Amino acid sequence: MKKILSFKSIQGYALIFIMIGASLFFGQKEIILPEMAALAVGCLIYEHPGWVAKPFHIFLLPSITAVGGFLINKLDIGMAPKLILALSFIWIVLLLFKSTLAPALATGLLPVITNATSVSFIFAILALTFILYQGLRFKKGMPQVLPGSSAQKPKDHILYLAFISIWILICSQNGWMFIAAIPPVIVVGYESVHKKEYTFKMFYKQVICLFLAAYIGTQSLYFLNNLLLAALVDIILVTLTLRLLSFKLPPAYAMALLPMVLHNSTSHKYFHWQVLTMATLVLGIVCLYKNIKLKDQLFAGFLQKSR
C-alpha cells in the first residue's frame, strides 16, 4: 500500500492525468499515448531495472520509434506492410542501441494502428518522455541491472519480430487485422522472449491481466462519459487486479487506456475478447518456444557432462 501512495507513484499517475488532460484541453485524442502509462508505472512505481538503468533511452528510443512509425503511416500502402515496416524500423533502432526497451515497440506501432496524422502526436511523445526522463535523471538509488539480466539476445530478438511479422501477414490474409498488432500484447511478448525463464504460470497470469485490463478499459469508457474519470477508474481497478494476482505488469495500464484511442467505437465491446485471442496465441507460442529452448539447453548440458 505504501508503494501505491508513495511520492514516486503519485508522480507516475500524475503524468498519466496530465497527458489525458492535455488531450481534452487541446481537443486532440492523439495526445493520449497508452504506452506512457506503462512507462510511468514501470519506471516510477515498479522501477523496472531494464528500463531505468539508462534513463536517456526512456526519452530517446520511444521518440525515435514514434517518429518513424508516424512517417511510415503516411506511406500510401496497406496496413500490413506499414506494420511490418514499422517493426523492421523498430528492430533496427533497438539493435543499434543494444536495447530491450519493449515500450519502444508500442510507440512505433501506435501511430500506424490509430492512423495518427497530427503532429500533436509527435509533440506529445517528445514532451511526455522528456518529462519522465528528467524525473528519472535526478532519482537516486535506482535499481541496477544485473549482468546479463536484460542483455539483448539477437537470436530471440530477430525470431520474435519475424514471428510477429508473419502473424501480421496471416491476419491480413484472413481479414483478422483487429488482432494483428495490439501493442501491449506485443510488448509483453517481447519482454517474455528475453526472460531467462518463462513459466506457464507467468504466461497465464499475463493473459488474464491483459484481458481484464482490456475489459476494464472498455467498460469504463462505456459507463463514464469523461476520459479523466475513466482513466482514474482504469488505474484503480488495474492496480487492484495486479495486486490480487500478485503480479507486476506495466503494459496492463497501457491496455486499459488503449480503447480511448481506438477509432471504431462499435468494436469496443469485442476488444477484450480480441486481446484474449491475440495474447493467448502470441504469448502461448513464446512460452512454448522458451520452454523447448530451455529443454534443449538442459539436454545439451547433460550430454556435455556425460562425455
Protein backbone atom coordinates (compact mmCIF):
# COMPACT_ATOMS: atom_id res chain seq x y z
CA MET A 1 0.00 0.00 0.00
CA LYS A 2 2.86 2.38 0.82
CA LYS A 3 4.28 1.89 -2.69
CA ILE A 4 0.90 2.73 -4.27
CA LEU A 5 0.69 6.00 -2.30
CA SER A 6 4.39 6.89 -2.46
CA PHE A 7 5.69 10.13 -3.98
CA LYS A 8 7.02 8.22 -6.98
CA SER A 9 3.65 6.60 -7.61
CA ILE A 10 1.89 9.97 -7.39
CA GLN A 11 4.35 11.31 -9.98
CA GLY A 12 3.63 8.35 -12.27
CA TYR A 13 -0.14 8.68 -12.03
CA ALA A 14 0.08 12.48 -12.37
CA LEU A 15 1.89 12.10 -15.70
CA ILE A 16 -0.98 9.95 -16.99
CA PHE A 17 -3.59 12.53 -15.97
CA ILE A 18 -1.53 15.39 -17.43
CA MET A 19 -1.48 13.51 -20.74
CA ILE A 20 -5.24 12.94 -20.79
CA GLY A 21 -5.97 16.44 -19.52
CA ALA A 22 -3.85 17.94 -22.31
CA SER A 23 -5.75 15.82 -24.82
CA LEU A 24 -9.06 17.23 -23.59
CA PHE A 25 -7.74 20.81 -23.39
CA PHE A 26 -6.38 20.81 -26.95
CA GLY A 27 -9.13 18.59 -28.36
CA GLN A 28 -6.54 16.15 -29.73
CA LYS A 29 -7.08 12.46 -29.00
CA GLU A 30 -3.65 11.70 -30.50
CA ILE A 31 -2.02 13.22 -27.41
CA ILE A 32 -3.18 10.14 -25.47
CA LEU A 33 -0.31 7.65 -25.63
CA PRO A 34 -1.34 4.48 -23.76
CA GLU A 35 2.23 3.22 -23.52
CA MET A 36 3.16 6.29 -21.47
CA ALA A 37 1.05 4.78 -18.69
CA ALA A 38 3.16 1.62 -18.84
CA LEU A 39 6.39 3.64 -18.89
CA ALA A 40 5.31 5.87 -15.98
CA VAL A 41 4.23 2.94 -13.82
CA GLY A 42 7.14 0.72 -14.85
CA CYS A 43 9.80 3.38 -14.24
CA LEU A 44 8.47 5.32 -11.25
CA ILE A 45 6.48 2.72 -9.33
CA TYR A 46 7.90 -0.71 -10.22
CA GLU A 47 11.36 0.73 -11.02
CA HIS A 48 11.87 -1.85 -13.77
CA PRO A 49 15.67 -2.42 -13.78
CA GLY A 50 15.88 -2.90 -17.54
CA TRP A 51 14.09 0.40 -18.16
CA VAL A 52 15.55 2.76 -15.55
CA ALA A 53 19.19 1.67 -15.98
CA LYS A 54 19.55 4.07 -18.94
CA PRO A 55 17.16 6.98 -18.30
CA PHE A 56 18.06 8.81 -21.52
CA HIS A 57 16.81 5.81 -23.54
CA ILE A 58 13.36 6.39 -21.99
CA PHE A 59 13.26 9.68 -23.90
CA LEU A 60 15.32 8.79 -26.96
CA LEU A 61 14.10 5.38 -28.14
CA PRO A 62 10.29 5.83 -27.86
CA SER A 63 10.68 9.22 -29.54
CA ILE A 64 12.69 7.77 -32.46
CA THR A 65 10.30 4.84 -32.99
CA ALA A 66 7.25 7.11 -32.69
CA VAL A 67 8.56 9.50 -35.34
CA GLY A 68 9.46 6.54 -37.57
CA GLY A 69 6.02 4.97 -37.15
CA PHE A 70 4.34 8.34 -37.79
CA LEU A 71 6.23 8.80 -41.09
CA ILE A 72 5.62 5.18 -42.16
CA ASN A 73 1.90 5.71 -41.56
CA LYS A 74 1.93 8.45 -44.19
CA LEU A 75 3.02 5.99 -46.91
CA ASP A 76 0.37 5.03 -49.45
CA ILE A 77 0.45 1.30 -48.73
CA GLY A 78 -1.72 -1.22 -46.89
CA MET A 79 -1.95 -1.65 -43.13
CA ALA A 80 0.02 -4.93 -43.02
CA PRO A 81 3.05 -3.55 -44.95
CA LYS A 82 3.01 -0.44 -42.74
CA LEU A 83 3.08 -2.55 -39.58
CA ILE A 84 5.89 -4.75 -40.88
CA LEU A 85 7.90 -1.70 -42.00
CA ALA A 86 7.38 -0.15 -38.56
CA LEU A 87 8.50 -3.37 -36.87
CA SER A 88 11.60 -3.52 -39.08
CA PHE A 89 12.46 0.08 -38.24
CA ILE A 90 11.99 -0.55 -34.50
CA TRP A 91 14.12 -3.71 -34.79
CA ILE A 92 16.98 -1.70 -36.32
CA VAL A 93 16.70 1.03 -33.65
CA LEU A 94 16.79 -1.48 -30.77
CA LEU A 95 19.71 -3.34 -32.34
CA LEU A 96 21.69 -0.14 -32.90
CA PHE A 97 21.21 0.96 -29.30
CA LYS A 98 21.61 -2.60 -27.94
CA SER A 99 18.38 -2.12 -26.03
CA THR A 100 15.43 -4.28 -24.99
CA LEU A 101 13.19 -1.32 -24.08
CA ALA A 102 9.94 -3.03 -25.04
CA PRO A 103 7.68 0.09 -24.83
CA ALA A 104 9.59 1.45 -27.86
CA LEU A 105 7.73 -1.21 -29.86
CA ALA A 106 4.37 0.18 -28.80
CA THR A 107 5.23 3.82 -29.51
CA GLY A 108 6.40 2.83 -33.01
CA LEU A 109 3.30 0.78 -33.82
CA LEU A 110 0.72 3.11 -32.25
CA PRO A 111 0.67 5.81 -34.99
CA VAL A 112 0.03 3.11 -37.60
CA ILE A 113 -2.69 1.36 -35.60
CA THR A 114 -4.50 4.60 -34.72
CA ASN A 115 -3.73 6.25 -38.08
CA ALA A 116 -2.09 9.25 -36.37
CA THR A 117 -1.87 12.21 -38.73
CA SER A 118 -1.48 15.20 -36.41
CA VAL A 119 1.94 16.47 -35.33
CA SER A 120 0.44 16.70 -31.84
CA PHE A 121 1.28 13.00 -31.58
CA ILE A 122 4.98 13.78 -32.05
CA PHE A 123 4.96 16.73 -29.67
CA ALA A 124 3.17 14.62 -27.06
CA ILE A 125 5.67 11.74 -27.18
CA LEU A 126 8.63 14.14 -27.08
CA ALA A 127 7.22 16.16 -24.17
CA LEU A 128 5.99 13.24 -22.06
CA THR A 129 9.08 11.05 -22.43
CA PHE A 130 11.30 14.08 -21.73
CA ILE A 131 9.39 14.80 -18.51
CA LEU A 132 9.75 11.16 -17.48
CA TYR A 133 13.45 11.19 -18.37
CA GLN A 134 14.04 14.28 -16.25
CA GLY A 135 12.21 12.64 -13.35
CA LEU A 136 14.45 9.57 -13.59
CA ARG A 137 17.63 11.53 -14.19
CA PHE A 138 17.69 13.01 -10.70
CA LYS A 139 16.49 9.92 -8.86
CA LYS A 140 18.99 8.30 -6.52
CA GLY A 141 19.19 4.68 -5.57
CA MET A 142 17.53 3.38 -8.73
CA PRO A 143 17.91 -0.39 -9.22
CA GLN A 144 20.85 -1.57 -11.26
CA VAL A 145 20.67 -4.21 -13.97
CA LEU A 146 22.38 -7.43 -13.01
CA PRO A 147 24.95 -8.68 -15.54
CA GLY A 148 23.14 -10.43 -18.35
CA SER A 149 19.69 -9.88 -16.80
CA SER A 150 18.41 -7.67 -19.61
CA ALA A 151 21.09 -8.11 -22.24
CA GLN A 152 19.81 -8.24 -25.77
CA LYS A 153 19.73 -11.72 -27.26
CA PRO A 154 19.98 -11.16 -31.05
CA LYS A 155 18.57 -14.57 -31.95
CA ASP A 156 15.49 -14.18 -29.72
CA HIS A 157 15.14 -10.56 -30.86
CA ILE A 158 15.11 -11.46 -34.57
CA LEU A 159 12.97 -14.58 -34.19
CA TYR A 160 10.30 -12.75 -32.21
CA LEU A 161 9.98 -9.82 -34.60
CA ALA A 162 9.98 -12.26 -37.55
CA PHE A 163 7.20 -14.22 -35.85
CA ILE A 164 5.11 -11.06 -35.29
CA SER A 165 5.63 -10.07 -38.94
CA ILE A 166 4.41 -13.50 -40.09
CA TRP A 167 1.49 -13.22 -37.67
CA ILE A 168 0.53 -9.83 -39.20
CA LEU A 169 0.64 -11.34 -42.70
CA ILE A 170 -1.54 -14.28 -41.62
CA CYS A 171 -4.05 -11.89 -40.04
CA SER A 172 -4.05 -9.70 -43.14
CA GLN A 173 -4.63 -12.69 -45.42
CA ASN A 174 -7.59 -13.88 -43.34
CA GLY A 175 -9.12 -10.48 -42.52
CA TRP A 176 -8.14 -10.60 -38.84
CA MET A 177 -6.37 -7.24 -38.65
CA PHE A 178 -8.21 -6.45 -35.40
CA ILE A 179 -5.91 -8.97 -33.65
CA ALA A 180 -2.81 -8.41 -35.78
CA ALA A 181 -0.86 -5.92 -33.66
CA ILE A 182 -2.27 -4.94 -30.27
CA PRO A 183 0.76 -3.03 -28.86
CA PRO A 184 0.66 -4.09 -25.17
CA VAL A 185 0.48 -7.77 -26.20
CA ILE A 186 3.50 -7.34 -28.48
CA VAL A 187 5.38 -5.53 -25.70
CA VAL A 188 4.66 -8.31 -23.18
CA GLY A 189 5.70 -10.96 -25.71
CA TYR A 190 8.95 -9.13 -26.46
CA GLU A 191 9.85 -8.86 -22.79
CA SER A 192 8.93 -12.51 -22.19
CA VAL A 193 11.10 -13.82 -25.02
CA HIS A 194 14.10 -12.14 -23.37
CA LYS A 195 13.45 -13.63 -19.94
CA LYS A 196 15.85 -16.29 -18.70
CA GLU A 197 12.85 -18.33 -17.64
CA TYR A 198 9.25 -18.05 -18.84
CA THR A 199 6.92 -20.40 -17.00
CA PHE A 200 3.33 -21.40 -17.70
CA LYS A 201 2.33 -19.54 -14.53
CA MET A 202 3.81 -16.30 -15.94
CA PHE A 203 2.03 -16.95 -19.24
CA TYR A 204 -1.47 -17.43 -17.87
CA LYS A 205 -1.14 -14.52 -15.41
CA GLN A 206 -0.08 -12.24 -18.26
CA VAL A 207 -3.04 -13.34 -20.39
CA ILE A 208 -5.50 -12.86 -17.52
CA CYS A 209 -4.10 -9.42 -16.60
CA LEU A 210 -4.16 -8.17 -20.19
CA PHE A 211 -7.70 -9.50 -20.73
CA LEU A 212 -9.04 -7.94 -17.52
CA ALA A 213 -7.26 -4.63 -18.21
CA ALA A 214 -8.85 -4.51 -21.67
CA TYR A 215 -12.26 -5.29 -20.16
CA ILE A 216 -11.81 -2.57 -17.52
CA GLY A 217 -10.80 -0.07 -20.21
CA THR A 218 -13.80 -0.78 -22.44
CA GLN A 219 -16.32 -0.77 -19.58
CA SER A 220 -15.03 2.48 -18.06
CA LEU A 221 -15.46 4.20 -21.43
CA TYR A 222 -18.94 2.72 -21.88
CA PHE A 223 -20.28 3.79 -18.49
CA LEU A 224 -18.36 7.03 -17.94
CA ASN A 225 -18.60 9.96 -20.33
CA ASN A 226 -15.37 11.53 -19.10
CA LEU A 227 -11.85 10.45 -20.06
CA LEU A 228 -10.23 11.70 -16.85
CA LEU A 229 -12.75 9.85 -14.70
CA ALA A 230 -12.42 6.75 -16.89
CA ALA A 231 -8.62 6.89 -16.52
CA LEU A 232 -8.96 7.16 -12.73
CA VAL A 233 -11.20 4.08 -12.65
CA ASP A 234 -8.80 2.25 -15.01
CA ILE A 235 -5.78 2.93 -12.80
CA ILE A 236 -7.55 1.94 -9.59
CA LEU A 237 -9.04 -1.28 -10.97
CA VAL A 238 -5.91 -2.38 -12.85
CA THR A 239 -3.82 -1.75 -9.72
CA LEU A 240 -6.23 -3.83 -7.63
CA THR A 241 -6.26 -6.59 -10.26
CA LEU A 242 -2.47 -6.82 -10.33
CA ARG A 243 -2.29 -6.83 -6.54
CA LEU A 244 -4.91 -9.58 -6.28
CA LEU A 245 -2.92 -11.69 -8.74
CA SER A 246 0.40 -10.73 -7.07
CA PHE A 247 1.81 -9.77 -10.46
CA LYS A 248 3.66 -6.77 -11.89
CA LEU A 249 2.72 -5.95 -15.48
CA PRO A 250 3.10 -2.27 -16.51
CA PRO A 251 1.64 -2.88 -20.03
CA ALA A 252 -1.70 -3.70 -18.34
CA TYR A 253 -2.07 0.04 -17.67
CA ALA A 254 -1.46 0.78 -21.35
CA MET A 255 -4.04 -1.86 -22.29
CA ALA A 256 -6.70 -0.20 -20.14
CA LEU A 257 -6.12 3.16 -21.85
CA LEU A 258 -5.87 1.80 -25.40
CA PRO A 259 -9.66 1.83 -26.08
CA MET A 260 -9.54 5.62 -25.66
CA VAL A 261 -7.61 5.98 -28.92
CA LEU A 262 -9.36 3.33 -31.00
CA HIS A 263 -11.40 4.87 -33.80
CA ASN A 264 -14.12 2.27 -34.24
CA SER A 265 -16.22 2.60 -31.10
CA THR A 266 -18.53 -0.25 -32.17
CA SER A 267 -15.62 -2.68 -31.78
CA HIS A 268 -15.04 -1.75 -28.12
CA LYS A 269 -17.44 -4.40 -26.84
CA TYR A 270 -15.30 -7.06 -28.55
CA PHE A 271 -11.92 -5.54 -27.69
CA HIS A 272 -11.23 -7.61 -24.57
CA TRP A 273 -12.02 -10.81 -26.49
CA GLN A 274 -9.66 -9.74 -29.25
CA VAL A 275 -6.96 -9.13 -26.63
CA LEU A 276 -7.62 -12.55 -25.09
CA THR A 277 -7.30 -14.22 -28.50
CA MET A 278 -4.07 -12.49 -29.53
CA ALA A 279 -2.48 -12.75 -26.06
CA THR A 280 -3.23 -16.47 -25.81
CA LEU A 281 -1.85 -17.25 -29.27
CA VAL A 282 1.21 -14.97 -29.28
CA LEU A 283 2.28 -15.46 -25.67
CA GLY A 284 1.48 -19.17 -25.93
CA ILE A 285 3.93 -19.50 -28.82
CA VAL A 286 6.55 -17.56 -26.85
CA CYS A 287 6.02 -19.82 -23.82
CA LEU A 288 6.34 -22.91 -26.00
CA TYR A 289 9.49 -21.56 -27.67
CA LYS A 290 11.16 -20.61 -24.38
CA ASN A 291 10.45 -23.95 -22.73
CA ILE A 292 11.50 -26.06 -25.73
CA LYS A 293 14.66 -23.95 -25.93
CA LEU A 294 15.27 -24.47 -22.19
CA LYS A 295 14.88 -28.24 -22.58
CA ASP A 296 17.36 -28.23 -25.48
CA GLN A 297 19.88 -26.29 -23.37
CA LEU A 298 19.47 -28.69 -20.44
CA PHE A 299 19.83 -31.69 -22.74
CA ALA A 300 22.95 -30.21 -24.36
CA GLY A 301 24.41 -29.56 -20.90
CA PHE A 302 23.65 -33.14 -19.83
CA LEU A 303 25.40 -34.55 -22.92
CA GLN A 304 28.43 -32.33 -22.35
CA LYS A 305 28.75 -33.51 -18.73
CA SER A 306 28.32 -37.17 -19.66
CA ARG A 307 31.26 -37.09 -22.08
